[in-house]
Amino acid sequence: MRAFTKFSTIAAVALLSTAGCKVMHHQETAGQYVDDTTLAARAKAALIKDKNVKSSDFSVQVYQGNVTLTGVASSPAEAKLAAEDIRAIDGVKSVKSDVRIAETNPSVPK
C-alpha cells in the first residue's frame, strides 16, 4: 500500500506541475484540463486494478474526454481488455487503441 501511495503522490505532482502548459497555450480550458487529468488518473487506476493487464506497459493520454491508449500488450486479449477497462469509465467519450502486440519469435538469436 505504501508503494501505491508513493506512486499516487509522484503522479499527482507530475500532473500538477504541467497543468498550466496546455491552459496557457489555449489548447484547453482549465476545466477541460482538470476533467482530462481526472480521466487519465481513473484510466491508469483501472489498468492497475485489473490483474489481467500489466499496467506498466501502457500509457494513457486524454484530450477532451477522448483517450489514446499506447504501449505493448503480451496478447491481443490483453490489449482488448485494457481498452475495455478504459471504455467503462464514466466520462470517457472514445478510446483509440494504438497498442502493439509483443512478438515472441523463438527463431531469432539473442
PDB file of N, CA and C in Angstrom:
ATOM      1  N   MET A   1       0.834  -1.192   0.000  1.00  0.00           N
ATOM      2  CA  MET A   1       0.000   0.000   0.000  1.00  0.00           C
ATOM      3  C   MET A   1       0.877   1.253   0.000  1.00  0.00           C
ATOM      4  N   ARG A   2       2.017   1.172   0.679  1.00  0.00           N
ATOM      5  CA  ARG A   2       2.905   2.326   0.752  1.00  0.00           C
ATOM      6  C   ARG A   2       3.451   2.699  -0.625  1.00  0.00           C
ATOM      7  N   ALA A   3       3.762   1.684  -1.428  1.00  0.00           N
ATOM      8  CA  ALA A   3       4.260   1.947  -2.782  1.00  0.00           C
ATOM      9  C   ALA A   3       3.194   2.635  -3.625  1.00  0.00           C
ATOM     10  N   PHE A   4       1.935   2.215  -3.449  1.00  0.00           N
ATOM     11  CA  PHE A   4       0.837   2.841  -4.198  1.00  0.00           C
ATOM     12  C   PHE A   4       0.704   4.311  -3.794  1.00  0.00           C
ATOM     13  N   THR A   5       0.863   4.608  -2.508  1.00  0.00           N
ATOM     14  CA  THR A   5       0.776   5.987  -2.029  1.00  0.00           C
ATOM     15  C   THR A   5       1.892   6.829  -2.636  1.00  0.00           C
ATOM     16  N   LYS A   6       3.108   6.276  -2.688  1.00  0.00           N
ATOM     17  CA  LYS A   6       4.226   6.998  -3.303  1.00  0.00           C
ATOM     18  C   LYS A   6       3.953   7.257  -4.772  1.00  0.00           C
ATOM     19  N   PHE A   7       3.471   6.214  -5.464  1.00  0.00           N
ATOM     20  CA  PHE A   7       3.162   6.346  -6.883  1.00  0.00           C
ATOM     21  C   PHE A   7       2.102   7.421  -7.096  1.00  0.00           C
ATOM     22  N   SER A   8       1.070   7.402  -6.270  1.00  0.00           N
ATOM     23  CA  SER A   8      -0.008   8.386  -6.391  1.00  0.00           C
ATOM     24  C   SER A   8       0.503   9.803  -6.173  1.00  0.00           C
ATOM     25  N   THR A   9       1.362   9.961  -5.181  1.00  0.00           N
ATOM     26  CA  THR A   9       1.916  11.274  -4.886  1.00  0.00           C
ATOM     27  C   THR A   9       2.777  11.777  -6.035  1.00  0.00           C
ATOM     28  N   ILE A  10       3.627  10.909  -6.551  1.00  0.00           N
ATOM     29  CA  ILE A  10       4.502  11.303  -7.663  1.00  0.00           C
ATOM     30  C   ILE A  10       3.667  11.642  -8.898  1.00  0.00           C
ATOM     31  N   ALA A  11       2.645  10.830  -9.167  1.00  0.00           N
ATOM     32  CA  ALA A  11       1.782  11.097 -10.318  1.00  0.00           C
ATOM     33  C   ALA A  11       1.056  12.425 -10.167  1.00  0.00           C
ATOM     34  N   ALA A  12       0.570  12.705  -8.962  1.00  0.00           N
ATOM     35  CA  ALA A  12      -0.140  13.967  -8.724  1.00  0.00           C
ATOM     36  C   ALA A  12       0.786  15.167  -8.915  1.00  0.00           C
ATOM     37  N   VAL A  13       2.002  15.078  -8.407  1.00  0.00           N
ATOM     38  CA  VAL A  13       2.960  16.174  -8.564  1.00  0.00           C
ATOM     39  C   VAL A  13       3.292  16.384 -10.036  1.00  0.00           C
ATOM     40  N   ALA A  14       3.499  15.291 -10.762  1.00  0.00           N
ATOM     41  CA  ALA A  14       3.821  15.408 -12.189  1.00  0.00           C
ATOM     42  C   ALA A  14       2.676  16.040 -12.966  1.00  0.00           C
ATOM     43  N   LEU A  15       1.464  15.622 -12.669  1.00  0.00           N
ATOM     44  CA  LEU A  15       0.310  16.182 -13.377  1.00  0.00           C
ATOM     45  C   LEU A  15       0.101  17.650 -13.041  1.00  0.00           C
ATOM     46  N   LEU A  16       0.253  17.998 -11.776  1.00  0.00           N
ATOM     47  CA  LEU A  16       0.036  19.383 -11.381  1.00  0.00           C
ATOM     48  C   LEU A  16       1.145  20.311 -11.877  1.00  0.00           C
ATOM     49  N   SER A  17       2.354  19.776 -12.010  1.00  0.00           N
ATOM     50  CA  SER A  17       3.451  20.626 -12.477  1.00  0.00           C
ATOM     51  C   SER A  17       3.299  21.004 -13.945  1.00  0.00           C
ATOM     52  N   THR A  18       2.560  20.195 -14.700  1.00  0.00           N
ATOM     53  CA  THR A  18       2.345  20.508 -16.117  1.00  0.00           C
ATOM     54  C   THR A  18       0.969  21.102 -16.374  1.00  0.00           C
ATOM     55  N   ALA A  19       0.222  21.357 -15.345  1.00  0.00           N
ATOM     56  CA  ALA A  19      -1.170  21.806 -15.502  1.00  0.00           C
ATOM     57  C   ALA A  19      -1.293  23.092 -16.308  1.00  0.00           C
ATOM     58  N   GLY A  20      -0.403  24.022 -16.118  1.00  0.00           N
ATOM     59  CA  GLY A  20      -0.542  25.309 -16.773  1.00  0.00           C
ATOM     60  C   GLY A  20      -0.183  25.334 -18.240  1.00  0.00           C
ATOM     61  N   CYS A  21       0.578  24.377 -18.718  1.00  0.00           N
ATOM     62  CA  CYS A  21       1.075  24.428 -20.095  1.00  0.00           C
ATOM     63  C   CYS A  21      -0.034  24.449 -21.132  1.00  0.00           C
ATOM     64  N   LYS A  22      -0.932  23.496 -21.087  1.00  0.00           N
ATOM     65  CA  LYS A  22      -1.991  23.443 -22.090  1.00  0.00           C
ATOM     66  C   LYS A  22      -2.965  24.596 -21.930  1.00  0.00           C
ATOM     67  N   VAL A  23      -3.213  24.988 -20.705  1.00  0.00           N
ATOM     68  CA  VAL A  23      -4.140  26.087 -20.463  1.00  0.00           C
ATOM     69  C   VAL A  23      -3.537  27.391 -20.974  1.00  0.00           C
ATOM     70  N   MET A  24      -2.250  27.614 -20.726  1.00  0.00           N
ATOM     71  CA  MET A  24      -1.598  28.853 -21.142  1.00  0.00           C
ATOM     72  C   MET A  24      -1.492  28.956 -22.665  1.00  0.00           C
ATOM     73  N   HIS A  25      -1.424  27.826 -23.345  1.00  0.00           N
ATOM     74  CA  HIS A  25      -1.315  27.843 -24.807  1.00  0.00           C
ATOM     75  C   HIS A  25      -2.678  27.751 -25.477  1.00  0.00           C
ATOM     76  N   HIS A  26      -3.735  27.931 -24.698  1.00  0.00           N
ATOM     77  CA  HIS A  26      -5.117  27.978 -25.195  1.00  0.00           C
ATOM     78  C   HIS A  26      -5.544  26.711 -25.928  1.00  0.00           C
ATOM     79  N   GLN A  27      -4.976  25.567 -25.533  1.00  0.00           N
ATOM     80  CA  GLN A  27      -5.397  24.303 -26.126  1.00  0.00           C
ATOM     81  C   GLN A  27      -6.637  23.770 -25.418  1.00  0.00           C
ATOM     82  N   GLU A  28      -6.742  24.021 -24.123  1.00  0.00           N
ATOM     83  CA  GLU A  28      -7.879  23.565 -23.332  1.00  0.00           C
ATOM     84  C   GLU A  28      -8.210  24.623 -22.296  1.00  0.00           C
ATOM     85  N   THR A  29      -9.451  24.612 -21.838  1.00  0.00           N
ATOM     86  CA  THR A  29      -9.785  25.466 -20.708  1.00  0.00           C
ATOM     87  C   THR A  29      -9.291  24.781 -19.445  1.00  0.00           C
ATOM     88  N   ALA A  30      -9.240  25.518 -18.355  1.00  0.00           N
ATOM     89  CA  ALA A  30      -8.803  24.939 -17.089  1.00  0.00           C
ATOM     90  C   ALA A  30      -9.723  23.802 -16.667  1.00  0.00           C
ATOM     91  N   GLY A  31     -11.020  23.958 -16.875  1.00  0.00           N
ATOM     92  CA  GLY A  31     -11.971  22.912 -16.524  1.00  0.00           C
ATOM     93  C   GLY A  31     -11.778  21.652 -17.342  1.00  0.00           C
ATOM     94  N   GLN A  32     -11.530  21.815 -18.645  1.00  0.00           N
ATOM     95  CA  GLN A  32     -11.288  20.651 -19.502  1.00  0.00           C
ATOM     96  C   GLN A  32     -10.019  19.934 -19.073  1.00  0.00           C
ATOM     97  N   TYR A  33      -8.993  20.712 -18.731  1.00  0.00           N
ATOM     98  CA  TYR A  33      -7.734  20.105 -18.328  1.00  0.00           C
ATOM     99  C   TYR A  33      -7.919  19.283 -17.061  1.00  0.00           C
ATOM    100  N   VAL A  34      -8.655  19.814 -16.100  1.00  0.00           N
ATOM    101  CA  VAL A  34      -8.914  19.086 -14.862  1.00  0.00           C
ATOM    102  C   VAL A  34      -9.707  17.824 -15.148  1.00  0.00           C
ATOM    103  N   ASP A  35     -10.722  17.925 -15.996  1.00  0.00           N
ATOM    104  CA  ASP A  35     -11.506  16.749 -16.368  1.00  0.00           C
ATOM    105  C   ASP A  35     -10.635  15.690 -17.033  1.00  0.00           C
ATOM    106  N   ASP A  36      -9.781  16.100 -17.964  1.00  0.00           N
ATOM    107  CA  ASP A  36      -8.909  15.161 -18.659  1.00  0.00           C
ATOM    108  C   ASP A  36      -7.904  14.529 -17.700  1.00  0.00           C
ATOM    109  N   THR A  37      -7.386  15.318 -16.781  1.00  0.00           N
ATOM    110  CA  THR A  37      -6.445  14.796 -15.796  1.00  0.00           C
ATOM    111  C   THR A  37      -7.125  13.772 -14.902  1.00  0.00           C
ATOM    112  N   THR A  38      -8.349  14.052 -14.514  1.00  0.00           N
ATOM    113  CA  THR A  38      -9.107  13.112 -13.691  1.00  0.00           C
ATOM    114  C   THR A  38      -9.371  11.820 -14.458  1.00  0.00           C
ATOM    115  N   LEU A  39      -9.762  11.938 -15.726  1.00  0.00           N
ATOM    116  CA  LEU A  39      -9.995  10.743 -16.541  1.00  0.00           C
ATOM    117  C   LEU A  39      -8.712   9.934 -16.715  1.00  0.00           C
ATOM    118  N   ALA A  40      -7.595  10.607 -16.916  1.00  0.00           N
ATOM    119  CA  ALA A  40      -6.322   9.904 -17.073  1.00  0.00           C
ATOM    120  C   ALA A  40      -5.978   9.133 -15.799  1.00  0.00           C
ATOM    121  N   ALA A  41      -6.189   9.762 -14.658  1.00  0.00           N
ATOM    122  CA  ALA A  41      -5.906   9.097 -13.388  1.00  0.00           C
ATOM    123  C   ALA A  41      -6.834   7.895 -13.186  1.00  0.00           C
ATOM    124  N   ARG A  42      -8.103   8.059 -13.535  1.00  0.00           N
ATOM    125  CA  ARG A  42      -9.051   6.942 -13.415  1.00  0.00           C
ATOM    126  C   ARG A  42      -8.691   5.806 -14.365  1.00  0.00           C
ATOM    127  N   ALA A  43      -8.257   6.152 -15.566  1.00  0.00           N
ATOM    128  CA  ALA A  43      -7.881   5.128 -16.543  1.00  0.00           C
ATOM    129  C   ALA A  43      -6.659   4.345 -16.055  1.00  0.00           C
ATOM    130  N   LYS A  44      -5.669   5.044 -15.546  1.00  0.00           N
ATOM    131  CA  LYS A  44      -4.477   4.364 -15.040  1.00  0.00           C
ATOM    132  C   LYS A  44      -4.824   3.492 -13.843  1.00  0.00           C
ATOM    133  N   ALA A  45      -5.713   3.986 -12.981  1.00  0.00           N
ATOM    134  CA  ALA A  45      -6.138   3.202 -11.820  1.00  0.00           C
ATOM    135  C   ALA A  45      -6.887   1.943 -12.263  1.00  0.00           C
ATOM    136  N   ALA A  46      -7.704   2.060 -13.308  1.00  0.00           N
ATOM    137  CA  ALA A  46      -8.438   0.893 -13.815  1.00  0.00           C
ATOM    138  C   ALA A  46      -7.477  -0.163 -14.355  1.00  0.00           C
ATOM    139  N   LEU A  47      -6.412   0.283 -15.025  1.00  0.00           N
ATOM    140  CA  LEU A  47      -5.425  -0.664 -15.535  1.00  0.00           C
ATOM    141  C   LEU A  47      -4.649  -1.327 -14.406  1.00  0.00           C
ATOM    142  N   ILE A  48      -4.334  -0.551 -13.378  1.00  0.00           N
ATOM    143  CA  ILE A  48      -3.621  -1.100 -12.224  1.00  0.00           C
ATOM    144  C   ILE A  48      -4.500  -2.117 -11.490  1.00  0.00           C
ATOM    145  N   LYS A  49      -5.773  -1.810 -11.389  1.00  0.00           N
ATOM    146  CA  LYS A  49      -6.715  -2.667 -10.656  1.00  0.00           C
ATOM    147  C   LYS A  49      -6.928  -4.016 -11.350  1.00  0.00           C
ATOM    148  N   ASP A  50      -6.860  -4.030 -12.678  1.00  0.00           N
ATOM    149  CA  ASP A  50      -7.097  -5.252 -13.440  1.00  0.00           C
ATOM    150  C   ASP A  50      -5.845  -6.131 -13.406  1.00  0.00           C
ATOM    151  N   LYS A  51      -5.942  -7.254 -12.758  1.00  0.00           N
ATOM    152  CA  LYS A  51      -4.799  -8.159 -12.603  1.00  0.00           C
ATOM    153  C   LYS A  51      -4.427  -8.873 -13.901  1.00  0.00           C
ATOM    154  N   ASN A  52      -5.293  -8.819 -14.915  1.00  0.00           N
ATOM    155  CA  ASN A  52      -5.019  -9.453 -16.198  1.00  0.00           C
ATOM    156  C   ASN A  52      -4.317  -8.515 -17.174  1.00  0.00           C
ATOM    157  N   VAL A  53      -4.038  -7.299 -16.720  1.00  0.00           N
ATOM    158  CA  VAL A  53      -3.382  -6.289 -17.557  1.00  0.00           C
ATOM    159  C   VAL A  53      -2.114  -5.830 -16.842  1.00  0.00           C
ATOM    160  N   LYS A  54      -1.002  -5.839 -17.558  1.00  0.00           N
ATOM    161  CA  LYS A  54       0.251  -5.338 -16.982  1.00  0.00           C
ATOM    162  C   LYS A  54       0.287  -3.829 -17.225  1.00  0.00           C
ATOM    163  N   SER A  55      -0.198  -3.081 -16.235  1.00  0.00           N
ATOM    164  CA  SER A  55      -0.431  -1.646 -16.401  1.00  0.00           C
ATOM    165  C   SER A  55       0.825  -0.853 -16.733  1.00  0.00           C
ATOM    166  N   SER A  56       1.982  -1.316 -16.310  1.00  0.00           N
ATOM    167  CA  SER A  56       3.204  -0.555 -16.573  1.00  0.00           C
ATOM    168  C   SER A  56       3.587  -0.553 -18.052  1.00  0.00           C
ATOM    169  N   ASP A  57       2.970  -1.424 -18.839  1.00  0.00           N
ATOM    170  CA  ASP A  57       3.274  -1.490 -20.270  1.00  0.00           C
ATOM    171  C   ASP A  57       2.407  -0.559 -21.114  1.00  0.00           C
ATOM    172  N   PHE A  58       1.517   0.201 -20.457  1.00  0.00           N
ATOM    173  CA  PHE A  58       0.585   1.064 -21.183  1.00  0.00           C
ATOM    174  C   PHE A  58       0.741   2.517 -20.770  1.00  0.00           C
ATOM    175  N   SER A  59       0.439   3.391 -21.717  1.00  0.00           N
ATOM    176  CA  SER A  59       0.421   4.827 -21.471  1.00  0.00           C
ATOM    177  C   SER A  59      -0.945   5.356 -21.879  1.00  0.00           C
ATOM    178  N   VAL A  60      -1.441   6.328 -21.113  1.00  0.00           N
ATOM    179  CA  VAL A  60      -2.770   6.879 -21.361  1.00  0.00           C
ATOM    180  C   VAL A  60      -2.657   8.383 -21.576  1.00  0.00           C
ATOM    181  N   GLN A  61      -3.217   8.856 -22.679  1.00  0.00           N
ATOM    182  CA  GLN A  61      -3.295  10.286 -22.964  1.00  0.00           C
ATOM    183  C   GLN A  61      -4.769  10.631 -23.136  1.00  0.00           C
ATOM    184  N   VAL A  62      -5.187  11.763 -22.559  1.00  0.00           N
ATOM    185  CA  VAL A  62      -6.591  12.168 -22.658  1.00  0.00           C
ATOM    186  C   VAL A  62      -6.663  13.601 -23.154  1.00  0.00           C
ATOM    187  N   TYR A  63      -7.524  13.842 -24.126  1.00  0.00           N
ATOM    188  CA  TYR A  63      -7.780  15.193 -24.612  1.00  0.00           C
ATOM    189  C   TYR A  63      -9.273  15.326 -24.852  1.00  0.00           C
ATOM    190  N   GLN A  64      -9.895  16.196 -24.101  1.00  0.00           N
ATOM    191  CA  GLN A  64     -11.327  16.477 -24.188  1.00  0.00           C
ATOM    192  C   GLN A  64     -12.167  15.203 -24.085  1.00  0.00           C
ATOM    193  N   GLY A  65     -11.776  14.321 -23.187  1.00  0.00           N
ATOM    194  CA  GLY A  65     -12.534  13.096 -22.930  1.00  0.00           C
ATOM    195  C   GLY A  65     -12.230  11.945 -23.860  1.00  0.00           C
ATOM    196  N   ASN A  66     -11.390  12.185 -24.859  1.00  0.00           N
ATOM    197  CA  ASN A  66     -11.001  11.144 -25.805  1.00  0.00           C
ATOM    198  C   ASN A  66      -9.665  10.553 -25.360  1.00  0.00           C
ATOM    199  N   VAL A  67      -9.636   9.260 -25.157  1.00  0.00           N
ATOM    200  CA  VAL A  67      -8.466   8.586 -24.604  1.00  0.00           C
ATOM    201  C   VAL A  67      -7.694   7.885 -25.712  1.00  0.00           C
ATOM    202  N   THR A  68      -6.370   8.042 -25.682  1.00  0.00           N
ATOM    203  CA  THR A  68      -5.486   7.297 -26.566  1.00  0.00           C
ATOM    204  C   THR A  68      -4.651   6.377 -25.694  1.00  0.00           C
ATOM    205  N   LEU A  69      -4.747   5.098 -25.964  1.00  0.00           N
ATOM    206  CA  LEU A  69      -4.027   4.072 -25.219  1.00  0.00           C
ATOM    207  C   LEU A  69      -2.875   3.581 -26.076  1.00  0.00           C
ATOM    208  N   THR A  70      -1.660   3.660 -25.557  1.00  0.00           N
ATOM    209  CA  THR A  70      -0.485   3.191 -26.287  1.00  0.00           C
ATOM    210  C   THR A  70       0.285   2.226 -25.399  1.00  0.00           C
ATOM    211  N   GLY A  71       1.171   1.485 -26.029  1.00  0.00           N
ATOM    212  CA  GLY A  71       2.000   0.557 -25.283  1.00  0.00           C
ATOM    213  C   GLY A  71       2.128  -0.765 -26.008  1.00  0.00           C
ATOM    214  N   VAL A  72       2.599  -1.758 -25.246  1.00  0.00           N
ATOM    215  CA  VAL A  72       2.807  -3.086 -25.800  1.00  0.00           C
ATOM    216  C   VAL A  72       2.087  -4.093 -24.919  1.00  0.00           C
ATOM    217  N   ALA A  73       1.219  -4.880 -25.542  1.00  0.00           N
ATOM    218  CA  ALA A  73       0.488  -5.923 -24.823  1.00  0.00           C
ATOM    219  C   ALA A  73       1.114  -7.276 -25.140  1.00  0.00           C
ATOM    220  N   SER A  74       0.984  -8.190 -24.206  1.00  0.00           N
ATOM    221  CA  SER A  74       1.540  -9.524 -24.426  1.00  0.00           C
ATOM    222  C   SER A  74       0.656 -10.363 -25.345  1.00  0.00           C
ATOM    223  N   SER A  75      -0.618  -9.954 -25.500  1.00  0.00           N
ATOM    224  CA  SER A  75      -1.533 -10.693 -26.362  1.00  0.00           C
ATOM    225  C   SER A  75      -2.648  -9.758 -26.835  1.00  0.00           C
ATOM    226  N   PRO A  76      -3.333 -10.137 -27.903  1.00  0.00           N
ATOM    227  CA  PRO A  76      -4.472  -9.330 -28.341  1.00  0.00           C
ATOM    228  C   PRO A  76      -5.555  -9.242 -27.265  1.00  0.00           C
ATOM    229  N   ALA A  77      -5.716 -10.305 -26.485  1.00  0.00           N
ATOM    230  CA  ALA A  77      -6.728 -10.303 -25.425  1.00  0.00           C
ATOM    231  C   ALA A  77      -6.398  -9.253 -24.362  1.00  0.00           C
ATOM    232  N   GLU A  78      -5.108  -9.109 -24.026  1.00  0.00           N
ATOM    233  CA  GLU A  78      -4.717  -8.104 -23.042  1.00  0.00           C
ATOM    234  C   GLU A  78      -4.973  -6.698 -23.567  1.00  0.00           C
ATOM    235  N   ALA A  79      -4.681  -6.461 -24.841  1.00  0.00           N
ATOM    236  CA  ALA A  79      -4.919  -5.148 -25.443  1.00  0.00           C
ATOM    237  C   ALA A  79      -6.410  -4.823 -25.434  1.00  0.00           C
ATOM    238  N   LYS A  80      -7.234  -5.798 -25.783  1.00  0.00           N
ATOM    239  CA  LYS A  80      -8.682  -5.598 -25.800  1.00  0.00           C
ATOM    240  C   LYS A  80      -9.211  -5.338 -24.395  1.00  0.00           C
ATOM    241  N   LEU A  81      -8.709  -6.083 -23.414  1.00  0.00           N
ATOM    242  CA  LEU A  81      -9.145  -5.915 -22.029  1.00  0.00           C
ATOM    243  C   LEU A  81      -8.777  -4.530 -21.493  1.00  0.00           C
ATOM    244  N   ALA A  82      -7.586  -4.052 -21.823  1.00  0.00           N
ATOM    245  CA  ALA A  82      -7.163  -2.721 -21.379  1.00  0.00           C
ATOM    246  C   ALA A  82      -8.082  -1.642 -21.955  1.00  0.00           C
ATOM    247  N   ALA A  83      -8.398  -1.749 -23.236  1.00  0.00           N
ATOM    248  CA  ALA A  83      -9.295  -0.770 -23.862  1.00  0.00           C
ATOM    249  C   ALA A  83     -10.691  -0.839 -23.252  1.00  0.00           C
ATOM    250  N   GLU A  84     -11.173  -2.048 -22.970  1.00  0.00           N
ATOM    251  CA  GLU A  84     -12.489  -2.196 -22.346  1.00  0.00           C
ATOM    252  C   GLU A  84     -12.525  -1.603 -20.946  1.00  0.00           C
ATOM    253  N   ASP A  85     -11.441  -1.788 -20.188  1.00  0.00           N
ATOM    254  CA  ASP A  85     -11.357  -1.205 -18.845  1.00  0.00           C
ATOM    255  C   ASP A  85     -11.528   0.312 -18.908  1.00  0.00           C
ATOM    256  N   ILE A  86     -10.910   0.934 -19.902  1.00  0.00           N
ATOM    257  CA  ILE A  86     -10.968   2.390 -20.025  1.00  0.00           C
ATOM    258  C   ILE A  86     -12.334   2.843 -20.548  1.00  0.00           C
ATOM    259  N   ARG A  87     -12.908   2.107 -21.484  1.00  0.00           N
ATOM    260  CA  ARG A  87     -14.241   2.460 -22.007  1.00  0.00           C
ATOM    261  C   ARG A  87     -15.305   2.461 -20.905  1.00  0.00           C
ATOM    262  N   ALA A  88     -15.113   1.651 -19.886  1.00  0.00           N
ATOM    263  CA  ALA A  88     -16.093   1.518 -18.805  1.00  0.00           C
ATOM    264  C   ALA A  88     -16.078   2.706 -17.838  1.00  0.00           C
ATOM    265  N   ILE A  89     -15.130   3.609 -17.989  1.00  0.00           N
ATOM    266  CA  ILE A  89     -15.001   4.750 -17.085  1.00  0.00           C
ATOM    267  C   ILE A  89     -15.993   5.838 -17.481  1.00  0.00           C
ATOM    268  N   ASP A  90     -16.711   6.338 -16.486  1.00  0.00           N
ATOM    269  CA  ASP A  90     -17.674   7.414 -16.703  1.00  0.00           C
ATOM    270  C   ASP A  90     -16.966   8.661 -17.223  1.00  0.00           C
ATOM    271  N   GLY A  91     -17.441   9.235 -18.304  1.00  0.00           N
ATOM    272  CA  GLY A  91     -16.863  10.463 -18.848  1.00  0.00           C
ATOM    273  C   GLY A  91     -15.961  10.247 -20.047  1.00  0.00           C
ATOM    274  N   VAL A  92     -15.575   9.002 -20.308  1.00  0.00           N
ATOM    275  CA  VAL A  92     -14.735   8.711 -21.468  1.00  0.00           C
ATOM    276  C   VAL A  92     -15.621   8.726 -22.710  1.00  0.00           C
ATOM    277  N   LYS A  93     -15.271   9.588 -23.666  1.00  0.00           N
ATOM    278  CA  LYS A  93     -16.052   9.712 -24.899  1.00  0.00           C
ATOM    279  C   LYS A  93     -15.666   8.645 -25.920  1.00  0.00           C
ATOM    280  N   SER A  94     -14.363   8.414 -26.051  1.00  0.00           N
ATOM    281  CA  SER A  94     -13.893   7.416 -27.008  1.00  0.00           C
ATOM    282  C   SER A  94     -12.538   6.896 -26.554  1.00  0.00           C
ATOM    283  N   VAL A  95     -12.176   5.722 -27.074  1.00  0.00           N
ATOM    284  CA  VAL A  95     -10.864   5.133 -26.793  1.00  0.00           C
ATOM    285  C   VAL A  95     -10.235   4.749 -28.116  1.00  0.00           C
ATOM    286  N   LYS A  96      -9.068   5.302 -28.378  1.00  0.00           N
ATOM    287  CA  LYS A  96      -8.293   4.934 -29.564  1.00  0.00           C
ATOM    288  C   LYS A  96      -7.136   4.070 -29.061  1.00  0.00           C
ATOM    289  N   SER A  97      -7.066   2.862 -29.533  1.00  0.00           N
ATOM    290  CA  SER A  97      -6.014   1.947 -29.091  1.00  0.00           C
ATOM    291  C   SER A  97      -4.894   1.894 -30.113  1.00  0.00           C
ATOM    292  N   ASP A  98      -3.730   2.377 -29.713  1.00  0.00           N
ATOM    293  CA  ASP A  98      -2.518   2.279 -30.530  1.00  0.00           C
ATOM    294  C   ASP A  98      -1.564   1.264 -29.896  1.00  0.00           C
ATOM    295  N   VAL A  99      -2.142   0.229 -29.313  1.00  0.00           N
ATOM    296  CA  VAL A  99      -1.362  -0.789 -28.613  1.00  0.00           C
ATOM    297  C   VAL A  99      -0.798  -1.774 -29.626  1.00  0.00           C
ATOM    298  N   ARG A 100       0.467  -2.084 -29.461  1.00  0.00           N
ATOM    299  CA  ARG A 100       1.115  -3.093 -30.296  1.00  0.00           C
ATOM    300  C   ARG A 100       1.137  -4.409 -29.520  1.00  0.00           C
ATOM    301  N   ILE A 101       1.189  -5.507 -30.225  1.00  0.00           N
ATOM    302  CA  ILE A 101       1.251  -6.827 -29.603  1.00  0.00           C
ATOM    303  C   ILE A 101       2.698  -7.296 -29.650  1.00  0.00           C
ATOM    304  N   ALA A 102       3.228  -7.718 -28.510  1.00  0.00           N
ATOM    305  CA  ALA A 102       4.598  -8.192 -28.434  1.00  0.00           C
ATOM    306  C   ALA A 102       4.728  -9.487 -29.226  1.00  0.00           C
ATOM    307  N   GLU A 103       5.776  -9.553 -29.999  1.00  0.00           N
ATOM    308  CA  GLU A 103       6.022 -10.766 -30.782  1.00  0.00           C
ATOM    309  C   GLU A 103       7.040 -11.636 -30.057  1.00  0.00           C
ATOM    310  N   THR A 104       6.748 -12.909 -30.001  1.00  0.00           N
ATOM    311  CA  THR A 104       7.712 -13.847 -29.436  1.00  0.00           C
ATOM    312  C   THR A 104       8.142 -14.771 -30.563  1.00  0.00           C
ATOM    313  N   ASN A 105       9.361 -14.565 -31.027  1.00  0.00           N
ATOM    314  CA  ASN A 105       9.881 -15.338 -32.140  1.00  0.00           C
ATOM    315  C   ASN A 105      11.088 -16.136 -31.650  1.00  0.00           C
ATOM    316  N   PRO A 106      10.904 -17.424 -31.381  1.00  0.00           N
ATOM    317  CA  PRO A 106      11.988 -18.224 -30.839  1.00  0.00           C
ATOM    318  C   PRO A 106      13.126 -18.458 -31.831  1.00  0.00           C
ATOM    319  N   SER A 107      12.926 -18.202 -33.115  1.00  0.00           N
ATOM    320  CA  SER A 107      13.977 -18.445 -34.093  1.00  0.00           C
ATOM    321  C   SER A 107      14.985 -17.312 -34.180  1.00  0.00           C
ATOM    322  N   VAL A 108      14.703 -16.203 -33.515  1.00  0.00           N
ATOM    323  CA  VAL A 108      15.617 -15.072 -33.533  1.00  0.00           C
ATOM    324  C   VAL A 108      16.686 -15.294 -32.474  1.00  0.00           C
ATOM    325  N   PRO A 109      17.974 -15.279 -32.846  1.00  0.00           N
ATOM    326  CA  PRO A 109      19.041 -15.468 -31.856  1.00  0.00           C
ATOM    327  C   PRO A 109      19.143 -14.284 -30.910  1.00  0.00           C
ATOM    328  N   LYS A 110      19.540 -14.559 -29.699  1.00  0.00           N
ATOM    329  CA  LYS A 110      19.659 -13.500 -28.679  1.00  0.00           C
ATOM    330  C   LYS A 110      21.057 -12.969 -28.567  1.00  0.00           C
TER     331      LYS A 110
END
